[in-house]
Amino acid sequence: MSNLSQLIKNEFIKLHHYKSTWAMYIILAILLIGSALITNFVVDQSMMINQTFQGELMQAYQSMGLEVPAYDMWAFVAENISYISFITIFIIVVAAKIISNEYKWGTIKLLLIRPAGRGTVLASKYITVLLFAVVLILYTIVLSLLIGLIFFGVDAWNPTIVDNMGSGYTEVSIIASIGKDILFQLVPLIIVATLSFMIAILFKGSAMAIAASIVIYIAAPIITMMVSQYEIAKYLLTAHLNLQEIFEGTPIIEGTSLGFSIAVLLVYYIVFMAAGWLTFKKRDVAGN
């Protein structure tokens, strides 16, 4: 086994030794079960469907000769993809802690005297963060499928629905629609996790990394609206974190395209990675 893969394995095992890690799984399970209970016993599903399928979306279904789908397992999964927002916050914390804890506990020197170079050590931590994000997302999807199937059943295993695919409403499979929604939430997750990771490296602590990253992620629309009248607004990170709105043609900054947003995010990503990488490679840890 290579040094990198062994380090990733060690980091993943170490991560799951923390009670806070298991708390994340429990919180997601509670949210999903709570959502199912509320939808099944409290919310009027017929009213919810009528509120969802109205206006242009309802017209699209009628023009394509498709029936409005009943609320079933797939609708439950699609509805709860939004919990990736919670996962993003969890990953921001993990990205900061995986670096800062080494300085806090004084284990950074022991880590860096191993045969693996600094770059390999840093890469193992970063990859572990991203792998953990994937694990939490898959956990949420699988649990949503199981809970949705138990509470609401399933009408078809891959039904055709109507969704906005960038050029307007079109027919698409529910799996493709859910996959699109996951992708558009995964990109900002990676960006803000990388930001948290970088800040933790620069300041050797988690508080600033977590606070700054969460504020940028949650308050992105507000921050963007506050400076939307200025030309610089379209280059701000916050203006490009909601790729779903940009893809559907309703960006906060008028005229912003998906291609431009991806390019801006890529530049920020490279800057964050380079800043963290160079700082970690050059830092003297003798006094830590």
C-alpha atoms as a PDB file:
ATOM      1  CA  MET A   1       0.000   0.000   0.000  1.00  0.00           C
ATOM      2  CA  SER A   2       1.401   3.419  -0.976  1.00  0.00           C
ATOM      3  CA  ASN A   3       2.210   6.080   1.611  1.00  0.00           C
ATOM      4  CA  LEU A   4      -0.719   8.233   0.431  1.00  0.00           C
ATOM      5  CA  SER A   5      -3.347   5.483   0.576  1.00  0.00           C
ATOM      6  CA  GLN A   6      -2.087   4.344   3.994  1.00  0.00           C
ATOM      7  CA  LEU A   7      -2.233   7.907   5.317  1.00  0.00           C
ATOM      8  CA  ILE A   8      -5.781   8.340   3.961  1.00  0.00           C
ATOM      9  CA  LYS A   9      -6.822   5.095   5.660  1.00  0.00           C
ATOM     10  CA  ASN A  10      -5.267   6.243   8.938  1.00  0.00           C
ATOM     11  CA  GLU A  11      -6.949   9.665   8.717  1.00  0.00           C
ATOM     12  CA  PHE A  12     -10.325   8.080   7.987  1.00  0.00           C
ATOM     13  CA  ILE A  13     -10.007   5.724  10.954  1.00  0.00           C
ATOM     14  CA  LYS A  14      -8.867   8.594  13.180  1.00  0.00           C
ATOM     15  CA  LEU A  15     -11.817  10.716  12.022  1.00  0.00           C
ATOM     16  CA  HIS A  16     -14.266   7.992  13.056  1.00  0.00           C
ATOM     17  CA  HIS A  17     -12.760   7.789  16.535  1.00  0.00           C
ATOM     18  CA  TYR A  18     -14.358  11.158  17.340  1.00  0.00           C
ATOM     19  CA  LYS A  19     -17.837  11.181  18.875  1.00  0.00           C
ATOM     20  CA  SER A  20     -18.593  14.321  16.859  1.00  0.00           C
ATOM     21  CA  THR A  21     -18.221  12.330  13.637  1.00  0.00           C
ATOM     22  CA  TRP A  22     -20.845   9.798  14.695  1.00  0.00           C
ATOM     23  CA  ALA A  23     -23.033  12.663  15.876  1.00  0.00           C
ATOM     24  CA  MET A  24     -23.139  13.861  12.257  1.00  0.00           C
ATOM     25  CA  TYR A  25     -24.580  10.519  11.111  1.00  0.00           C
ATOM     26  CA  ILE A  26     -27.124  10.593  13.946  1.00  0.00           C
ATOM     27  CA  ILE A  27     -28.197  14.189  13.221  1.00  0.00           C
ATOM     28  CA  LEU A  28     -28.778  13.383   9.543  1.00  0.00           C
ATOM     29  CA  ALA A  29     -30.811  10.303  10.471  1.00  0.00           C
ATOM     30  CA  ILE A  30     -32.941  12.311  12.914  1.00  0.00           C
ATOM     31  CA  LEU A  31     -33.550  15.010  10.287  1.00  0.00           C
ATOM     32  CA  LEU A  32     -34.624  12.460   7.675  1.00  0.00           C
ATOM     33  CA  ILE A  33     -36.876  10.478  10.010  1.00  0.00           C
ATOM     34  CA  GLY A  34     -38.370  13.704  11.367  1.00  0.00           C
ATOM     35  CA  SER A  35     -39.018  14.938   7.836  1.00  0.00           C
ATOM     36  CA  ALA A  36     -40.769  11.673   6.950  1.00  0.00           C
ATOM     37  CA  LEU A  37     -42.933  11.761  10.074  1.00  0.00           C
ATOM     38  CA  ILE A  38     -43.970  15.375   9.488  1.00  0.00           C
ATOM     39  CA  THR A  39     -44.718  14.785   5.801  1.00  0.00           C
ATOM     40  CA  ASN A  40     -46.661  11.598   6.501  1.00  0.00           C
ATOM     41  CA  PHE A  41     -48.666  12.618   9.570  1.00  0.00           C
ATOM     42  CA  VAL A  42     -48.768  16.422   9.688  1.00  0.00           C
ATOM     43  CA  VAL A  43     -48.510  17.876   6.188  1.00  0.00           C
ATOM     44  CA  ASP A  44     -51.376  17.629   3.705  1.00  0.00           C
ATOM     45  CA  GLN A  45     -49.582  15.876   0.825  1.00  0.00           C
ATOM     46  CA  SER A  46     -52.222  16.838  -1.744  1.00  0.00           C
ATOM     47  CA  MET A  47     -51.885  20.499  -0.819  1.00  0.00           C
ATOM     48  CA  MET A  48     -48.084  20.211  -0.903  1.00  0.00           C
ATOM     49  CA  ILE A  49     -48.182  18.717  -4.405  1.00  0.00           C
ATOM     50  CA  ASN A  50     -50.583  21.443  -5.592  1.00  0.00           C
ATOM     51  CA  GLN A  51     -48.285  24.152  -4.212  1.00  0.00           C
ATOM     52  CA  THR A  52     -45.228  22.580  -5.862  1.00  0.00           C
ATOM     53  CA  PHE A  53     -46.747  21.877  -9.261  1.00  0.00           C
ATOM     54  CA  GLN A  54     -48.184  25.220 -10.319  1.00  0.00           C
ATOM     55  CA  GLY A  55     -47.418  28.011 -12.758  1.00  0.00           C
ATOM     56  CA  GLU A  56     -44.888  27.244 -15.512  1.00  0.00           C
ATOM     57  CA  LEU A  57     -44.075  23.822 -14.095  1.00  0.00           C
ATOM     58  CA  MET A  58     -47.725  22.741 -14.189  1.00  0.00           C
ATOM     59  CA  GLN A  59     -48.083  24.115 -17.722  1.00  0.00           C
ATOM     60  CA  ALA A  60     -45.007  22.122 -18.759  1.00  0.00           C
ATOM     61  CA  TYR A  61     -46.527  18.899 -17.431  1.00  0.00           C
ATOM     62  CA  GLN A  62     -49.781  19.595 -19.266  1.00  0.00           C
ATOM     63  CA  SER A  63     -48.090  20.511 -22.560  1.00  0.00           C
ATOM     64  CA  MET A  64     -45.995  17.318 -22.453  1.00  0.00           C
ATOM     65  CA  GLY A  65     -48.990  15.167 -21.587  1.00  0.00           C
ATOM     66  CA  LEU A  66     -47.480  13.945 -18.327  1.00  0.00           C
ATOM     67  CA  GLU A  67     -49.305  13.332 -15.081  1.00  0.00           C
ATOM     68  CA  VAL A  68     -48.143  15.114 -11.953  1.00  0.00           C
ATOM     69  CA  PRO A  69     -46.296  12.448  -9.938  1.00  0.00           C
ATOM     70  CA  ALA A  70     -47.640  11.329  -6.578  1.00  0.00           C
ATOM     71  CA  TYR A  71     -45.569  11.922  -3.466  1.00  0.00           C
ATOM     72  CA  ASP A  72     -43.507   8.752  -3.124  1.00  0.00           C
ATOM     73  CA  MET A  73     -39.990   7.600  -2.263  1.00  0.00           C
ATOM     74  CA  TRP A  74     -38.408   9.594  -5.114  1.00  0.00           C
ATOM     75  CA  ALA A  75     -40.180  12.807  -4.124  1.00  0.00           C
ATOM     76  CA  PHE A  76     -38.940  12.311  -0.559  1.00  0.00           C
ATOM     77  CA  VAL A  77     -35.353  11.810  -1.758  1.00  0.00           C
ATOM     78  CA  ALA A  78     -35.502  14.845  -4.062  1.00  0.00           C
ATOM     79  CA  GLU A  79     -36.938  16.976  -1.270  1.00  0.00           C
ATOM     80  CA  ASN A  80     -34.206  15.979   1.180  1.00  0.00           C
ATOM     81  CA  ILE A  81     -31.252  16.580  -1.126  1.00  0.00           C
ATOM     82  CA  SER A  82     -31.332  20.000   0.538  1.00  0.00           C
ATOM     83  CA  TYR A  83     -29.792  18.362   3.621  1.00  0.00           C
ATOM     84  CA  ILE A  84     -26.483  18.487   1.766  1.00  0.00           C
ATOM     85  CA  SER A  85     -26.415  22.027   3.171  1.00  0.00           C
ATOM     86  CA  PHE A  86     -26.045  20.498   6.641  1.00  0.00           C
ATOM     87  CA  ILE A  87     -23.379  18.150   5.299  1.00  0.00           C
ATOM     88  CA  THR A  88     -21.520  21.166   3.899  1.00  0.00           C
ATOM     89  CA  ILE A  89     -21.413  22.749   7.358  1.00  0.00           C
ATOM     90  CA  PHE A  90     -20.222  19.454   8.857  1.00  0.00           C
ATOM     91  CA  ILE A  91     -17.456  19.224   6.249  1.00  0.00           C
ATOM     92  CA  ILE A  92     -16.374  22.816   6.912  1.00  0.00           C
ATOM     93  CA  VAL A  93     -15.835  21.816  10.548  1.00  0.00           C
ATOM     94  CA  VAL A  94     -14.016  18.594   9.625  1.00  0.00           C
ATOM     95  CA  ALA A  95     -11.752  20.404   7.133  1.00  0.00           C
ATOM     96  CA  ALA A  96     -10.702  22.908   9.787  1.00  0.00           C
ATOM     97  CA  LYS A  97     -10.314  20.395  12.618  1.00  0.00           C
ATOM     98  CA  ILE A  98      -8.301  17.856  10.629  1.00  0.00           C
ATOM     99  CA  ILE A  99      -5.524  20.459  10.360  1.00  0.00           C
ATOM    100  CA  SER A 100      -5.887  22.491  13.550  1.00  0.00           C
ATOM    101  CA  ASN A 101      -6.024  19.450  15.851  1.00  0.00           C
ATOM    102  CA  GLU A 102      -2.494  18.462  14.800  1.00  0.00           C
ATOM    103  CA  TYR A 103      -1.218  21.831  16.031  1.00  0.00           C
ATOM    104  CA  LYS A 104      -3.492  21.827  19.085  1.00  0.00           C
ATOM    105  CA  TRP A 105      -2.291  18.421  20.281  1.00  0.00           C
ATOM    106  CA  GLY A 106       1.324  18.980  19.225  1.00  0.00           C
ATOM    107  CA  THR A 107       1.288  15.973  16.890  1.00  0.00           C
ATOM    108  CA  ILE A 108       2.211  17.914  13.762  1.00  0.00           C
ATOM    109  CA  LYS A 109       5.952  17.305  14.268  1.00  0.00           C
ATOM    110  CA  LEU A 110       5.427  13.562  14.709  1.00  0.00           C
ATOM    111  CA  LEU A 111       3.335  13.512  11.555  1.00  0.00           C
ATOM    112  CA  LEU A 112       5.977  15.288   9.493  1.00  0.00           C
ATOM    113  CA  ILE A 113       8.956  13.125  10.535  1.00  0.00           C
ATOM    114  CA  ARG A 114       7.371  10.134   8.806  1.00  0.00           C
ATOM    115  CA  PRO A 115       8.789   8.922   5.464  1.00  0.00           C
ATOM    116  CA  ALA A 116       5.937  10.605   3.567  1.00  0.00           C
ATOM    117  CA  GLY A 117       6.659  14.187   2.532  1.00  0.00           C
ATOM    118  CA  ARG A 118       4.668  17.211   3.634  1.00  0.00           C
ATOM    119  CA  GLY A 119       2.789  17.319   0.356  1.00  0.00           C
ATOM    120  CA  THR A 120       1.666  13.710   0.788  1.00  0.00           C
ATOM    121  CA  VAL A 121       0.577  14.336   4.386  1.00  0.00           C
ATOM    122  CA  LEU A 122      -1.458  17.383   3.373  1.00  0.00           C
ATOM    123  CA  ALA A 123      -2.967  15.585   0.373  1.00  0.00           C
ATOM    124  CA  SER A 124      -4.057  12.674   2.584  1.00  0.00           C
ATOM    125  CA  LYS A 125      -5.909  15.027   4.918  1.00  0.00           C
ATOM    126  CA  TYR A 126      -7.599  16.914   2.080  1.00  0.00           C
ATOM    127  CA  ILE A 127      -8.643  13.731   0.266  1.00  0.00           C
ATOM    128  CA  THR A 128      -9.995  12.333   3.551  1.00  0.00           C
ATOM    129  CA  VAL A 129     -12.198  15.418   3.939  1.00  0.00           C
ATOM    130  CA  LEU A 130     -13.620  14.999   0.420  1.00  0.00           C
ATOM    131  CA  LEU A 131     -14.109  11.244   0.848  1.00  0.00           C
ATOM    132  CA  PHE A 132     -15.963  11.848   4.098  1.00  0.00           C
ATOM    133  CA  ALA A 133     -18.223  14.322   2.280  1.00  0.00           C
ATOM    134  CA  VAL A 134     -19.010  11.653  -0.323  1.00  0.00           C
ATOM    135  CA  VAL A 135     -19.709   9.106   2.432  1.00  0.00           C
ATOM    136  CA  LEU A 136     -22.141  11.476   4.186  1.00  0.00           C
ATOM    137  CA  ILE A 137     -23.932  12.266   0.910  1.00  0.00           C
ATOM    138  CA  LEU A 138     -24.258   8.567   0.002  1.00  0.00           C
ATOM    139  CA  TYR A 139     -25.430   7.830   3.550  1.00  0.00           C
ATOM    140  CA  THR A 140     -28.102  10.532   3.228  1.00  0.00           C
ATOM    141  CA  ILE A 141     -29.267   9.261  -0.167  1.00  0.00           C
ATOM    142  CA  VAL A 142     -29.440   5.596   0.883  1.00  0.00           C
ATOM    143  CA  LEU A 143     -31.199   6.446   4.147  1.00  0.00           C
ATOM    144  CA  SER A 144     -33.642   8.708   2.257  1.00  0.00           C
ATOM    145  CA  LEU A 145     -34.422   5.869  -0.156  1.00  0.00           C
ATOM    146  CA  LEU A 146     -35.081   3.425   2.691  1.00  0.00           C
ATOM    147  CA  ILE A 147     -37.148   5.845   4.781  1.00  0.00           C
ATOM    148  CA  GLY A 148     -39.031   7.086   1.710  1.00  0.00           C
ATOM    149  CA  LEU A 149     -39.818   3.535   0.625  1.00  0.00           C
ATOM    150  CA  ILE A 150     -41.089   2.594   4.099  1.00  0.00           C
ATOM    151  CA  PHE A 151     -43.252   5.687   4.579  1.00  0.00           C
ATOM    152  CA  PHE A 152     -44.431   6.521   1.051  1.00  0.00           C
ATOM    153  CA  GLY A 153     -43.819   3.521  -1.195  1.00  0.00           C
ATOM    154  CA  VAL A 154     -42.778   3.883  -4.832  1.00  0.00           C
ATOM    155  CA  ASP A 155     -44.880   4.299  -7.993  1.00  0.00           C
ATOM    156  CA  ALA A 156     -42.058   3.579 -10.483  1.00  0.00           C
ATOM    157  CA  TRP A 157     -38.363   2.815 -10.132  1.00  0.00           C
ATOM    158  CA  ASN A 158     -37.170   5.610 -12.423  1.00  0.00           C
ATOM    159  CA  PRO A 159     -40.160   7.773 -13.378  1.00  0.00           C
ATOM    160  CA  THR A 160     -40.056  10.568 -15.924  1.00  0.00           C
ATOM    161  CA  ILE A 161     -40.620  14.038 -14.507  1.00  0.00           C
ATOM    162  CA  VAL A 162     -40.395  17.614 -15.773  1.00  0.00           C
ATOM    163  CA  ASP A 163     -37.422  19.650 -14.595  1.00  0.00           C
ATOM    164  CA  ASN A 164     -35.595  22.840 -15.533  1.00  0.00           C
ATOM    165  CA  MET A 165     -32.450  21.633 -17.288  1.00  0.00           C
ATOM    166  CA  GLY A 166     -31.059  25.052 -18.169  1.00  0.00           C
ATOM    167  CA  SER A 167     -32.824  25.597 -21.481  1.00  0.00           C
ATOM    168  CA  GLY A 168     -36.276  25.436 -19.944  1.00  0.00           C
ATOM    169  CA  TYR A 169     -38.508  22.655 -18.691  1.00  0.00           C
ATOM    170  CA  THR A 170     -37.949  19.267 -20.267  1.00  0.00           C
ATOM    171  CA  GLU A 171     -38.658  15.595 -19.656  1.00  0.00           C
ATOM    172  CA  VAL A 172     -35.972  13.878 -17.591  1.00  0.00           C
ATOM    173  CA  SER A 173     -35.681  10.814 -15.383  1.00  0.00           C
ATOM    174  CA  ILE A 174     -35.970  11.406 -11.651  1.00  0.00           C
ATOM    175  CA  ILE A 175     -32.514   9.881 -11.111  1.00  0.00           C
ATOM    176  CA  ALA A 176     -30.951  12.352 -13.573  1.00  0.00           C
ATOM    177  CA  SER A 177     -32.771  15.240 -11.881  1.00  0.00           C
ATOM    178  CA  ILE A 178     -31.587  14.195  -8.416  1.00  0.00           C
ATOM    179  CA  GLY A 179     -28.060  13.687  -9.754  1.00  0.00           C
ATOM    180  CA  LYS A 180     -28.066  17.225 -11.133  1.00  0.00           C
ATOM    181  CA  ASP A 181     -29.213  18.664  -7.807  1.00  0.00           C
ATOM    182  CA  ILE A 182     -26.512  16.747  -5.929  1.00  0.00           C
ATOM    183  CA  LEU A 183     -23.817  17.949  -8.331  1.00  0.00           C
ATOM    184  CA  PHE A 184     -24.851  21.588  -7.953  1.00  0.00           C
ATOM    185  CA  GLN A 185     -24.605  21.283  -4.165  1.00  0.00           C
ATOM    186  CA  LEU A 186     -21.366  19.282  -4.252  1.00  0.00           C
ATOM    187  CA  VAL A 187     -19.417  22.014  -6.075  1.00  0.00           C
ATOM    188  CA  PRO A 188     -19.936  24.737  -3.422  1.00  0.00           C
ATOM    189  CA  LEU A 189     -19.297  22.105  -0.726  1.00  0.00           C
ATOM    190  CA  ILE A 190     -15.852  21.468  -2.199  1.00  0.00           C
ATOM    191  CA  ILE A 191     -15.124  25.192  -2.508  1.00  0.00           C
ATOM    192  CA  VAL A 192     -16.033  26.171   1.063  1.00  0.00           C
ATOM    193  CA  ALA A 193     -14.390  23.032   2.473  1.00  0.00           C
ATOM    194  CA  THR A 194     -11.197  24.000   0.652  1.00  0.00           C
ATOM    195  CA  LEU A 195     -11.518  27.539   2.022  1.00  0.00           C
ATOM    196  CA  SER A 196     -11.871  26.185   5.569  1.00  0.00           C
ATOM    197  CA  PHE A 197      -8.913  23.855   5.017  1.00  0.00           C
ATOM    198  CA  MET A 198      -6.747  26.734   3.752  1.00  0.00           C
ATOM    199  CA  ILE A 199      -7.621  29.128   6.600  1.00  0.00           C
ATOM    200  CA  ALA A 200      -6.885  26.404   9.164  1.00  0.00           C
ATOM    201  CA  ILE A 201      -3.433  25.953   7.601  1.00  0.00           C
ATOM    202  CA  LEU A 202      -2.720  29.689   7.527  1.00  0.00           C
ATOM    203  CA  PHE A 203      -3.768  30.363  11.131  1.00  0.00           C
ATOM    204  CA  LYS A 204      -3.183  26.907  12.698  1.00  0.00           C
ATOM    205  CA  GLY A 205      -6.612  27.085  14.316  1.00  0.00           C
ATOM    206  CA  SER A 206     -10.176  26.058  13.569  1.00  0.00           C
ATOM    207  CA  ALA A 207     -12.285  28.913  14.971  1.00  0.00           C
ATOM    208  CA  MET A 208     -11.582  31.453  12.237  1.00  0.00           C
ATOM    209  CA  ALA A 209     -11.689  28.803   9.507  1.00  0.00           C
ATOM    210  CA  ILE A 210     -15.087  27.499  10.602  1.00  0.00           C
ATOM    211  CA  ALA A 211     -16.636  30.920  11.262  1.00  0.00           C
ATOM    212  CA  ALA A 212     -15.459  32.533   8.017  1.00  0.00           C
ATOM    213  CA  SER A 213     -16.421  29.563   5.831  1.00  0.00           C
ATOM    214  CA  ILE A 214     -19.878  29.141   7.369  1.00  0.00           C
ATOM    215  CA  VAL A 215     -20.634  32.875   7.102  1.00  0.00           C
ATOM    216  CA  ILE A 216     -19.587  32.920   3.441  1.00  0.00           C
ATOM    217  CA  TYR A 217     -21.647  29.805   2.698  1.00  0.00           C
ATOM    218  CA  ILE A 218     -24.832  30.772   4.549  1.00  0.00           C
ATOM    219  CA  ALA A 219     -24.792  34.530   3.933  1.00  0.00           C
ATOM    220  CA  ALA A 220     -23.681  34.305   0.293  1.00  0.00           C
ATOM    221  CA  PRO A 221     -26.970  35.677  -1.167  1.00  0.00           C
ATOM    222  CA  ILE A 222     -27.058  38.575   1.314  1.00  0.00           C
ATOM    223  CA  ILE A 223     -23.410  39.480   0.741  1.00  0.00           C
ATOM    224  CA  THR A 224     -23.891  39.372  -3.021  1.00  0.00           C
ATOM    225  CA  MET A 225     -27.064  41.481  -2.932  1.00  0.00           C
ATOM    226  CA  MET A 226     -25.317  44.128  -0.814  1.00  0.00           C
ATOM    227  CA  VAL A 227     -22.676  44.719  -3.504  1.00  0.00           C
ATOM    228  CA  SER A 228     -24.689  43.723  -6.583  1.00  0.00           C
ATOM    229  CA  GLN A 229     -24.655  47.270  -7.980  1.00  0.00           C
ATOM    230  CA  TYR A 230     -20.867  47.233  -8.250  1.00  0.00           C
ATOM    231  CA  GLU A 231     -18.923  45.682 -11.127  1.00  0.00           C
ATOM    232  CA  ILE A 232     -16.742  43.700  -8.728  1.00  0.00           C
ATOM    233  CA  ALA A 233     -19.789  41.767  -7.489  1.00  0.00           C
ATOM    234  CA  LYS A 234     -19.647  39.307 -10.383  1.00  0.00           C
ATOM    235  CA  TYR A 235     -16.142  38.267  -9.339  1.00  0.00           C
ATOM    236  CA  LEU A 236     -17.015  37.591  -5.692  1.00  0.00           C
ATOM    237  CA  LEU A 237     -17.022  33.994  -4.513  1.00  0.00           C
ATOM    238  CA  THR A 238     -20.451  34.431  -2.936  1.00  0.00           C
ATOM    239  CA  ALA A 239     -22.041  35.285  -6.292  1.00  0.00           C
ATOM    240  CA  HIS A 240     -21.269  31.832  -7.683  1.00  0.00           C
ATOM    241  CA  LEU A 241     -22.042  29.396  -4.872  1.00  0.00           C
ATOM    242  CA  ASN A 242     -25.662  28.806  -5.936  1.00  0.00           C
ATOM    243  CA  LEU A 243     -25.069  27.076  -9.267  1.00  0.00           C
ATOM    244  CA  GLN A 244     -28.668  25.827  -9.361  1.00  0.00           C
ATOM    245  CA  GLU A 245     -30.046  29.366  -9.756  1.00  0.00           C
ATOM    246  CA  ILE A 246     -27.415  30.247 -12.350  1.00  0.00           C
ATOM    247  CA  PHE A 247     -28.129  27.046 -14.308  1.00  0.00           C
ATOM    248  CA  GLU A 248     -31.857  27.794 -14.315  1.00  0.00           C
ATOM    249  CA  GLY A 249     -31.258  31.352 -15.547  1.00  0.00           C
ATOM    250  CA  THR A 250     -32.084  33.230 -12.337  1.00  0.00           C
ATOM    251  CA  PRO A 251     -28.697  34.378 -10.962  1.00  0.00           C
ATOM    252  CA  ILE A 252     -28.434  37.133  -8.354  1.00  0.00           C
ATOM    253  CA  ILE A 253     -26.039  39.012 -10.638  1.00  0.00           C
ATOM    254  CA  GLU A 254     -27.849  39.463 -13.935  1.00  0.00           C
ATOM    255  CA  GLY A 255     -26.037  38.077 -16.955  1.00  0.00           C
ATOM    256  CA  THR A 256     -23.980  35.527 -15.033  1.00  0.00           C
ATOM    257  CA  SER A 257     -23.577  32.305 -17.013  1.00  0.00           C
ATOM    258  CA  LEU A 258     -22.830  28.812 -15.728  1.00  0.00           C
ATOM    259  CA  GLY A 259     -19.538  28.705 -17.636  1.00  0.00           C
ATOM    260  CA  PHE A 260     -18.384  32.011 -16.142  1.00  0.00           C
ATOM    261  CA  SER A 261     -19.351  30.881 -12.625  1.00  0.00           C
ATOM    262  CA  ILE A 262     -17.433  27.626 -12.979  1.00  0.00           C
ATOM    263  CA  ALA A 263     -14.388  29.558 -14.230  1.00  0.00           C
ATOM    264  CA  VAL A 264     -14.547  31.951 -11.252  1.00  0.00           C
ATOM    265  CA  LEU A 265     -14.935  29.069  -8.793  1.00  0.00           C
ATOM    266  CA  LEU A 266     -11.998  27.282 -10.410  1.00  0.00           C
ATOM    267  CA  VAL A 267      -9.784  30.344  -9.946  1.00  0.00           C
ATOM    268  CA  TYR A 268     -10.771  30.612  -6.273  1.00  0.00           C
ATOM    269  CA  TYR A 269     -10.154  26.886  -5.825  1.00  0.00           C
ATOM    270  CA  ILE A 270      -6.649  27.125  -7.293  1.00  0.00           C
ATOM    271  CA  VAL A 271      -5.841  30.154  -5.117  1.00  0.00           C
ATOM    272  CA  PHE A 272      -7.084  28.413  -1.955  1.00  0.00           C
ATOM    273  CA  MET A 273      -5.156  25.232  -2.731  1.00  0.00           C
ATOM    274  CA  ALA A 274      -1.962  27.071  -3.663  1.00  0.00           C
ATOM    275  CA  ALA A 275      -2.049  29.288  -0.555  1.00  0.00           C
ATOM    276  CA  GLY A 276      -2.588  26.349   1.774  1.00  0.00           C
ATOM    277  CA  TRP A 277      -0.096  24.102   0.013  1.00  0.00           C
ATOM    278  CA  LEU A 278       2.735  26.650  -0.100  1.00  0.00           C
ATOM    279  CA  THR A 279       2.186  27.712   3.521  1.00  0.00           C
ATOM    280  CA  PHE A 280       2.231  24.130   4.786  1.00  0.00           C
ATOM    281  CA  LYS A 281       5.285  23.190   2.716  1.00  0.00           C
ATOM    282  CA  LYS A 282       7.341  26.161   3.959  1.00  0.00           C
ATOM    283  CA  ARG A 283       6.159  26.424   7.569  1.00  0.00           C
ATOM    284  CA  ASP A 284       8.656  25.758  10.349  1.00  0.00           C
ATOM    285  CA  VAL A 285       6.958  23.439  12.836  1.00  0.00           C
ATOM    286  CA  ALA A 286       9.916  23.143  15.198  1.00  0.00           C
ATOM    287  CA  GLY A 287       8.260  25.457  17.699  1.00  0.00           C
ATOM    288  CA  ASN A 288       4.818  23.864  17.492  1.00  0.00           C
END
